[in-house]
C-alpha atoms as a PDB file:
ATOM      1  CA  MET A   1     127.747  40.333  -5.014  1.00  0.00           C
ATOM      2  CA  HIS A   2     129.540  43.279  -5.167  1.00  0.00           C
ATOM      3  CA  ALA A   3     126.301  45.290  -5.594  1.00  0.00           C
ATOM      4  CA  ARG A   4     126.184  45.685  -1.642  1.00  0.00           C
ATOM      5  CA  ILE A   5     129.514  47.327  -1.482  1.00  0.00           C
ATOM      6  CA  LEU A   6     127.937  49.876  -3.586  1.00  0.00           C
ATOM      7  CA  GLY A   7     125.217  50.745  -1.000  1.00  0.00           C
ATOM      8  CA  PHE A   8     127.820  51.180   1.336  1.00  0.00           C
ATOM      9  CA  ALA A   9     129.757  53.781  -0.705  1.00  0.00           C
ATOM     10  CA  ALA A  10     126.676  55.562  -1.389  1.00  0.00           C
ATOM     11  CA  PHE A  11     126.031  55.840   2.604  1.00  0.00           C
ATOM     12  CA  ALA A  12     129.806  57.310   2.861  1.00  0.00           C
ATOM     13  CA  ALA A  13     128.562  59.898   0.364  1.00  0.00           C
ATOM     14  CA  CYS A  14     126.147  61.216   2.209  1.00  0.00           C
ATOM     15  CA  LEU A  15     128.535  61.538   5.369  1.00  0.00           C
ATOM     16  CA  ALA A  16     131.037  63.511   3.220  1.00  0.00           C
ATOM     17  CA  VAL A  17     129.000  66.714   2.603  1.00  0.00           C
ATOM     18  CA  PRO A  18     130.283  69.376   5.034  1.00  0.00           C
ATOM     19  CA  ALA A  19     128.158  72.059   6.667  1.00  0.00           C
ATOM     20  CA  THR A  20     129.268  74.906   4.198  1.00  0.00           C
ATOM     21  CA  ALA A  21     128.510  72.989   0.912  1.00  0.00           C
ATOM     22  CA  ALA A  22     124.762  73.060  -1.110  1.00  0.00           C
ATOM     23  CA  VAL A  23     123.633  70.251   1.039  1.00  0.00           C
ATOM     24  CA  ALA A  24     124.448  70.220   4.591  1.00  0.00           C
ATOM     25  CA  LEU A  25     124.932  67.194   6.508  1.00  0.00           C
ATOM     26  CA  SER A  26     122.066  67.956   8.827  1.00  0.00           C
ATOM     27  CA  ASP A  27     120.039  68.271   5.837  1.00  0.00           C
ATOM     28  CA  ALA A  28     120.890  64.564   4.975  1.00  0.00           C
ATOM     29  CA  ALA A  29     120.844  62.965   8.346  1.00  0.00           C
ATOM     30  CA  GLY A  30     117.857  60.466   8.742  1.00  0.00           C
ATOM     31  CA  SER A  31     117.158  56.794   7.802  1.00  0.00           C
ATOM     32  CA  TYR A  32     116.715  55.615   3.941  1.00  0.00           C
ATOM     33  CA  THR A  33     115.046  52.892   2.118  1.00  0.00           C
ATOM     34  CA  VAL A  34     116.784  51.912  -1.417  1.00  0.00           C
ATOM     35  CA  SER A  35     114.348  52.371  -3.884  1.00  0.00           C
ATOM     36  CA  PRO A  36     114.762  50.050  -7.012  1.00  0.00           C
ATOM     37  CA  ALA A  37     112.792  52.193  -9.054  1.00  0.00           C
ATOM     38  CA  GLY A  38     115.491  55.045  -8.911  1.00  0.00           C
ATOM     39  CA  SER A  39     118.392  52.798  -8.765  1.00  0.00           C
ATOM     40  CA  SER A  40     120.775  50.642 -10.729  1.00  0.00           C
ATOM     41  CA  ILE A  41     123.640  48.246 -10.041  1.00  0.00           C
ATOM     42  CA  HIS A  42     125.635  47.407 -12.923  1.00  0.00           C
ATOM     43  CA  PHE A  43     128.892  45.684 -13.799  1.00  0.00           C
ATOM     44  CA  THR A  44     131.351  45.289 -16.402  1.00  0.00           C
ATOM     45  CA  ILE A  45     134.191  42.234 -17.153  1.00  0.00           C
ATOM     46  CA  GLY A  46     136.579  42.492 -19.504  1.00  0.00           C
ATOM     47  CA  LYS A  47     137.961  39.838 -21.907  1.00  0.00           C
ATOM     48  CA  ALA A  48     141.694  39.707 -23.114  1.00  0.00           C
ATOM     49  CA  GLY A  49     141.721  41.100 -26.181  1.00  0.00           C
ATOM     50  CA  GLY A  50     138.971  43.611 -25.443  1.00  0.00           C
ATOM     51  CA  GLY A  51     135.297  42.930 -25.423  1.00  0.00           C
ATOM     52  CA  GLY A  52     133.951  41.230 -22.252  1.00  0.00           C
ATOM     53  CA  PHE A  53     130.260  42.162 -20.797  1.00  0.00           C
ATOM     54  CA  ASP A  54     128.212  43.861 -18.740  1.00  0.00           C
ATOM     55  CA  GLY A  55     125.668  42.958 -16.465  1.00  0.00           C
ATOM     56  CA  ALA A  56     123.081  44.463 -14.035  1.00  0.00           C
ATOM     57  CA  PHE A  57     120.852  43.157 -11.162  1.00  0.00           C
ATOM     58  CA  ALA A  58     117.360  43.574 -11.332  1.00  0.00           C
ATOM     59  CA  ARG A  59     116.878  43.011  -7.652  1.00  0.00           C
ATOM     60  CA  PHE A  60     118.121  44.496  -4.447  1.00  0.00           C
ATOM     61  CA  LYS A  61     117.347  46.257  -1.402  1.00  0.00           C
ATOM     62  CA  GLY A  62     118.995  48.320   1.096  1.00  0.00           C
ATOM     63  CA  THR A  63     119.001  50.783   4.104  1.00  0.00           C
ATOM     64  CA  ILE A  64     121.070  53.902   4.821  1.00  0.00           C
ATOM     65  CA  ARG A  65     121.156  55.760   7.991  1.00  0.00           C
ATOM     66  CA  ILE A  66     123.165  58.718   8.338  1.00  0.00           C
ATOM     67  CA  ASP A  67     124.107  60.371  11.451  1.00  0.00           C
ATOM     68  CA  ASN A  68     125.131  63.564  11.492  1.00  0.00           C
ATOM     69  CA  GLY A  69     126.332  63.737  15.286  1.00  0.00           C
ATOM     70  CA  ASP A  70     129.041  60.845  14.719  1.00  0.00           C
ATOM     71  CA  VAL A  71     129.919  59.633  11.253  1.00  0.00           C
ATOM     72  CA  GLY A  72     131.381  56.587  12.662  1.00  0.00           C
ATOM     73  CA  ARG A  73     127.440  55.417  13.698  1.00  0.00           C
ATOM     74  CA  SER A  74     126.203  55.747  10.571  1.00  0.00           C
ATOM     75  CA  LYS A  75     125.128  52.305   8.309  1.00  0.00           C
ATOM     76  CA  VAL A  76     124.397  51.084   5.215  1.00  0.00           C
ATOM     77  CA  ASP A  77     123.183  47.458   4.392  1.00  0.00           C
ATOM     78  CA  LEU A  78     122.506  46.491   1.011  1.00  0.00           C
ATOM     79  CA  THR A  79     121.174  42.717   0.109  1.00  0.00           C
ATOM     80  CA  ILE A  80     121.595  41.832  -3.798  1.00  0.00           C
ATOM     81  CA  TYR A  81     119.802  38.890  -5.598  1.00  0.00           C
ATOM     82  CA  PRO A  82     121.610  37.135  -7.853  1.00  0.00           C
ATOM     83  CA  GLU A  83     119.153  34.791  -9.311  1.00  0.00           C
ATOM     84  CA  SER A  84     118.192  38.404 -10.938  1.00  0.00           C
ATOM     85  CA  VAL A  85     121.371  39.047 -12.829  1.00  0.00           C
ATOM     86  CA  GLY A  86     120.861  39.941 -16.395  1.00  0.00           C
ATOM     87  CA  THR A  87     123.132  40.550 -19.145  1.00  0.00           C
ATOM     88  CA  GLY A  88     120.916  40.566 -22.356  1.00  0.00           C
ATOM     89  CA  GLN A  89     122.059  36.939 -23.299  1.00  0.00           C
ATOM     90  CA  SER A  90     120.051  34.175 -21.875  1.00  0.00           C
ATOM     91  CA  ARG A  91     122.806  31.337 -22.034  1.00  0.00           C
ATOM     92  CA  ILE A  92     125.451  33.894 -20.073  1.00  0.00           C
ATOM     93  CA  ASP A  93     122.703  34.773 -17.438  1.00  0.00           C
ATOM     94  CA  ALA A  94     122.166  31.080 -16.576  1.00  0.00           C
ATOM     95  CA  PHE A  95     125.726  30.504 -16.612  1.00  0.00           C
ATOM     96  CA  LEU A  96     126.183  33.475 -14.126  1.00  0.00           C
ATOM     97  CA  ARG A  97     123.285  32.098 -11.962  1.00  0.00           C
ATOM     98  CA  SER A  98     124.663  28.641 -11.809  1.00  0.00           C
ATOM     99  CA  ASP A  99     127.155  26.996  -9.373  1.00  0.00           C
ATOM    100  CA  ALA A 100     129.957  28.115 -11.222  1.00  0.00           C
ATOM    101  CA  VAL A 101     129.651  31.601 -10.326  1.00  0.00           C
ATOM    102  CA  PHE A 102     127.062  32.960  -8.306  1.00  0.00           C
ATOM    103  CA  ASP A 103     125.331  29.665  -7.146  1.00  0.00           C
ATOM    104  CA  ALA A 104     122.092  31.499  -6.871  1.00  0.00           C
ATOM    105  CA  ALA A 105     120.429  28.057  -5.779  1.00  0.00           C
ATOM    106  CA  ASN A 106     122.458  27.933  -2.599  1.00  0.00           C
ATOM    107  CA  SER A 107     123.258  31.280  -2.003  1.00  0.00           C
ATOM    108  CA  PRO A 108     120.553  33.453  -2.571  1.00  0.00           C
ATOM    109  CA  GLU A 109     121.889  36.812  -1.419  1.00  0.00           C
ATOM    110  CA  ILE A 110     124.887  38.606  -1.670  1.00  0.00           C
ATOM    111  CA  GLN A 111     125.468  40.993   1.054  1.00  0.00           C
ATOM    112  CA  PHE A 112     127.336  44.294   1.936  1.00  0.00           C
ATOM    113  CA  ARG A 113     127.779  45.594   5.720  1.00  0.00           C
ATOM    114  CA  SER A 114     129.913  48.860   6.181  1.00  0.00           C
ATOM    115  CA  THR A 115     132.147  49.122   8.690  1.00  0.00           C
ATOM    116  CA  SER A 116     133.945  52.659   8.159  1.00  0.00           C
ATOM    117  CA  VAL A 117     133.256  55.598   6.139  1.00  0.00           C
ATOM    118  CA  THR A 118     136.292  58.260   5.120  1.00  0.00           C
ATOM    119  CA  ARG A 119     135.370  61.549   3.850  1.00  0.00           C
ATOM    120  CA  THR A 120     137.751  62.265   0.741  1.00  0.00           C
ATOM    121  CA  GLY A 121     136.042  65.373  -0.628  1.00  0.00           C
ATOM    122  CA  ASP A 122     133.060  67.622  -0.089  1.00  0.00           C
ATOM    123  CA  THR A 123     130.539  65.383  -1.826  1.00  0.00           C
ATOM    124  CA  SER A 124     132.517  62.131  -1.978  1.00  0.00           C
ATOM    125  CA  ALA A 125     133.843  59.674   0.770  1.00  0.00           C
ATOM    126  CA  LEU A 126     135.137  56.081   0.703  1.00  0.00           C
ATOM    127  CA  VAL A 127     133.354  53.260   2.208  1.00  0.00           C
ATOM    128  CA  THR A 128     134.734  50.031   3.367  1.00  0.00           C
ATOM    129  CA  GLY A 129     132.651  47.329   4.639  1.00  0.00           C
ATOM    130  CA  ARG A 130     132.150  43.297   4.774  1.00  0.00           C
ATOM    131  CA  LEU A 131     130.942  41.802   1.360  1.00  0.00           C
ATOM    132  CA  THR A 132     129.492  38.130   1.965  1.00  0.00           C
ATOM    133  CA  ALA A 133     129.038  35.944  -1.398  1.00  0.00           C
ATOM    134  CA  ARG A 134     128.837  32.429  -1.376  1.00  0.00           C
ATOM    135  CA  GLY A 135     129.705  31.889   1.873  1.00  0.00           C
ATOM    136  CA  LYS A 136     132.687  33.832   1.776  1.00  0.00           C
ATOM    137  CA  THR A 137     133.134  37.523   3.494  1.00  0.00           C
ATOM    138  CA  PHE A 138     136.027  40.091   2.497  1.00  0.00           C
ATOM    139  CA  ALA A 139     136.376  43.689   3.198  1.00  0.00           C
ATOM    140  CA  GLU A 140     136.025  45.899   0.062  1.00  0.00           C
ATOM    141  CA  LYS A 141     136.108  49.419  -0.672  1.00  0.00           C
ATOM    142  CA  PHE A 142     133.760  51.631  -3.028  1.00  0.00           C
ATOM    143  CA  THR A 143     133.473  55.348  -4.001  1.00  0.00           C
ATOM    144  CA  ALA A 144     130.393  57.512  -3.411  1.00  0.00           C
ATOM    145  CA  GLU A 145     129.497  60.828  -4.767  1.00  0.00           C
ATOM    146  CA  LEU A 146     126.681  62.518  -3.417  1.00  0.00           C
ATOM    147  CA  ASP A 147     124.513  63.133  -6.769  1.00  0.00           C
ATOM    148  CA  GLY A 148     121.526  65.142  -4.891  1.00  0.00           C
ATOM    149  CA  LEU A 149     119.213  65.383  -1.725  1.00  0.00           C
ATOM    150  CA  LYS A 150     115.622  66.749  -2.510  1.00  0.00           C
ATOM    151  CA  GLY A 151     112.033  66.337  -0.497  1.00  0.00           C
ATOM    152  CA  GLY A 152     113.337  63.364   1.672  1.00  0.00           C
ATOM    153  CA  THR A 153     115.225  61.604  -1.525  1.00  0.00           C
ATOM    154  CA  ILE A 154     118.897  60.985  -2.030  1.00  0.00           C
ATOM    155  CA  LYS A 155     120.502  60.045  -4.491  1.00  0.00           C
ATOM    156  CA  PHE A 156     124.486  58.734  -4.714  1.00  0.00           C
ATOM    157  CA  HIS A 157     126.920  57.577  -7.769  1.00  0.00           C
ATOM    158  CA  VAL A 158     128.751  54.638  -6.236  1.00  0.00           C
ATOM    159  CA  THR A 159     131.645  52.973  -8.144  1.00  0.00           C
ATOM    160  CA  GLY A 160     134.377  50.230  -7.013  1.00  0.00           C
ATOM    161  CA  LYS A 161     136.488  46.949  -8.315  1.00  0.00           C
ATOM    162  CA  VAL A 162     136.307  43.564  -6.547  1.00  0.00           C
ATOM    163  CA  LEU A 163     138.315  40.283  -7.416  1.00  0.00           C
ATOM    164  CA  ARG A 164     135.956  37.618  -8.048  1.00  0.00           C
ATOM    165  CA  SER A 165     138.291  34.777  -7.389  1.00  0.00           C
ATOM    166  CA  ARG A 166     137.983  35.807  -3.798  1.00  0.00           C
ATOM    167  CA  TYR A 167     134.434  34.403  -3.698  1.00  0.00           C
ATOM    168  CA  GLY A 168     135.366  31.341  -5.729  1.00  0.00           C
ATOM    169  CA  MET A 169     133.933  32.967  -8.824  1.00  0.00           C
ATOM    170  CA  ASP A 170     137.158  32.910 -10.745  1.00  0.00           C
ATOM    171  CA  VAL A 171     136.276  30.698 -13.865  1.00  0.00           C
ATOM    172  CA  GLY A 172     137.510  31.885 -17.239  1.00  0.00           C
ATOM    173  CA  THR A 173     140.537  33.852 -15.920  1.00  0.00           C
ATOM    174  CA  PRO A 174     142.714  34.559 -17.224  1.00  0.00           C
ATOM    175  CA  LEU A 175     140.437  34.870 -20.472  1.00  0.00           C
ATOM    176  CA  TYR A 176     138.223  36.925 -18.673  1.00  0.00           C
ATOM    177  CA  SER A 177     139.255  39.371 -15.723  1.00  0.00           C
ATOM    178  CA  ASN A 178     139.519  38.634 -12.496  1.00  0.00           C
ATOM    179  CA  VAL A 179     138.630  42.487 -11.540  1.00  0.00           C
ATOM    180  CA  VAL A 180     134.516  43.141 -11.671  1.00  0.00           C
ATOM    181  CA  ASP A 181     133.829  47.051 -12.263  1.00  0.00           C
ATOM    182  CA  PHE A 182     130.755  48.334 -10.497  1.00  0.00           C
ATOM    183  CA  ASP A 183     128.810  51.318 -11.543  1.00  0.00           C
ATOM    184  CA  MET A 184     125.739  51.883  -9.622  1.00  0.00           C
ATOM    185  CA  THR A 185     123.175  54.678  -8.983  1.00  0.00           C
ATOM    186  CA  LEU A 186     121.555  53.895  -5.314  1.00  0.00           C
ATOM    187  CA  THR A 187     118.373  56.329  -4.562  1.00  0.00           C
ATOM    188  CA  GLY A 188     117.130  56.346  -1.233  1.00  0.00           C
ATOM    189  CA  LYS A 189     113.747  57.576   0.331  1.00  0.00           C
ATOM    190  CA  ARG A 190     113.764  59.056   3.911  1.00  0.00           C
ATOM    191  CA  GLY A 191     111.121  57.462   6.375  1.00  0.00           C
END
């Protein structure tokens, strides 16, 4: 559900590259399709007293459009399929897919659409967007760091925190943290 936010952050990182950096913004301008083969969307939920669990989404898609003439016109769209969630524990996976958490049967997509990008460094940016999960939409922020641009392929490291209670997924709190930490690698292919 929070993976979409990361996609927007990746976009922001691309916009954050100044003309004097090793990779110029004009070099990154264009449209990219997120490639699942070179990307990953991981999350962690802590537990009181230590522990918790880690997971990832195996299926997602997205696009990144970087406009070097007007950063404000750049766009990131990311869709995550919650039925693809995996923690390595089938019982937890089934619970996460159930109506207690993602309700994947009735809410098969989590979507993130960027609304603004703010440069925070030479290769980093803060990406703000609208995250929709289980029919609820809220503004979320992610940090994106440009990890590389080569041969029409762009790569970002995206991190962020989302409060799961906002989306009706607060089962298990306070034993399990309300904060979901996202750590994503998003690789886009130009074209």
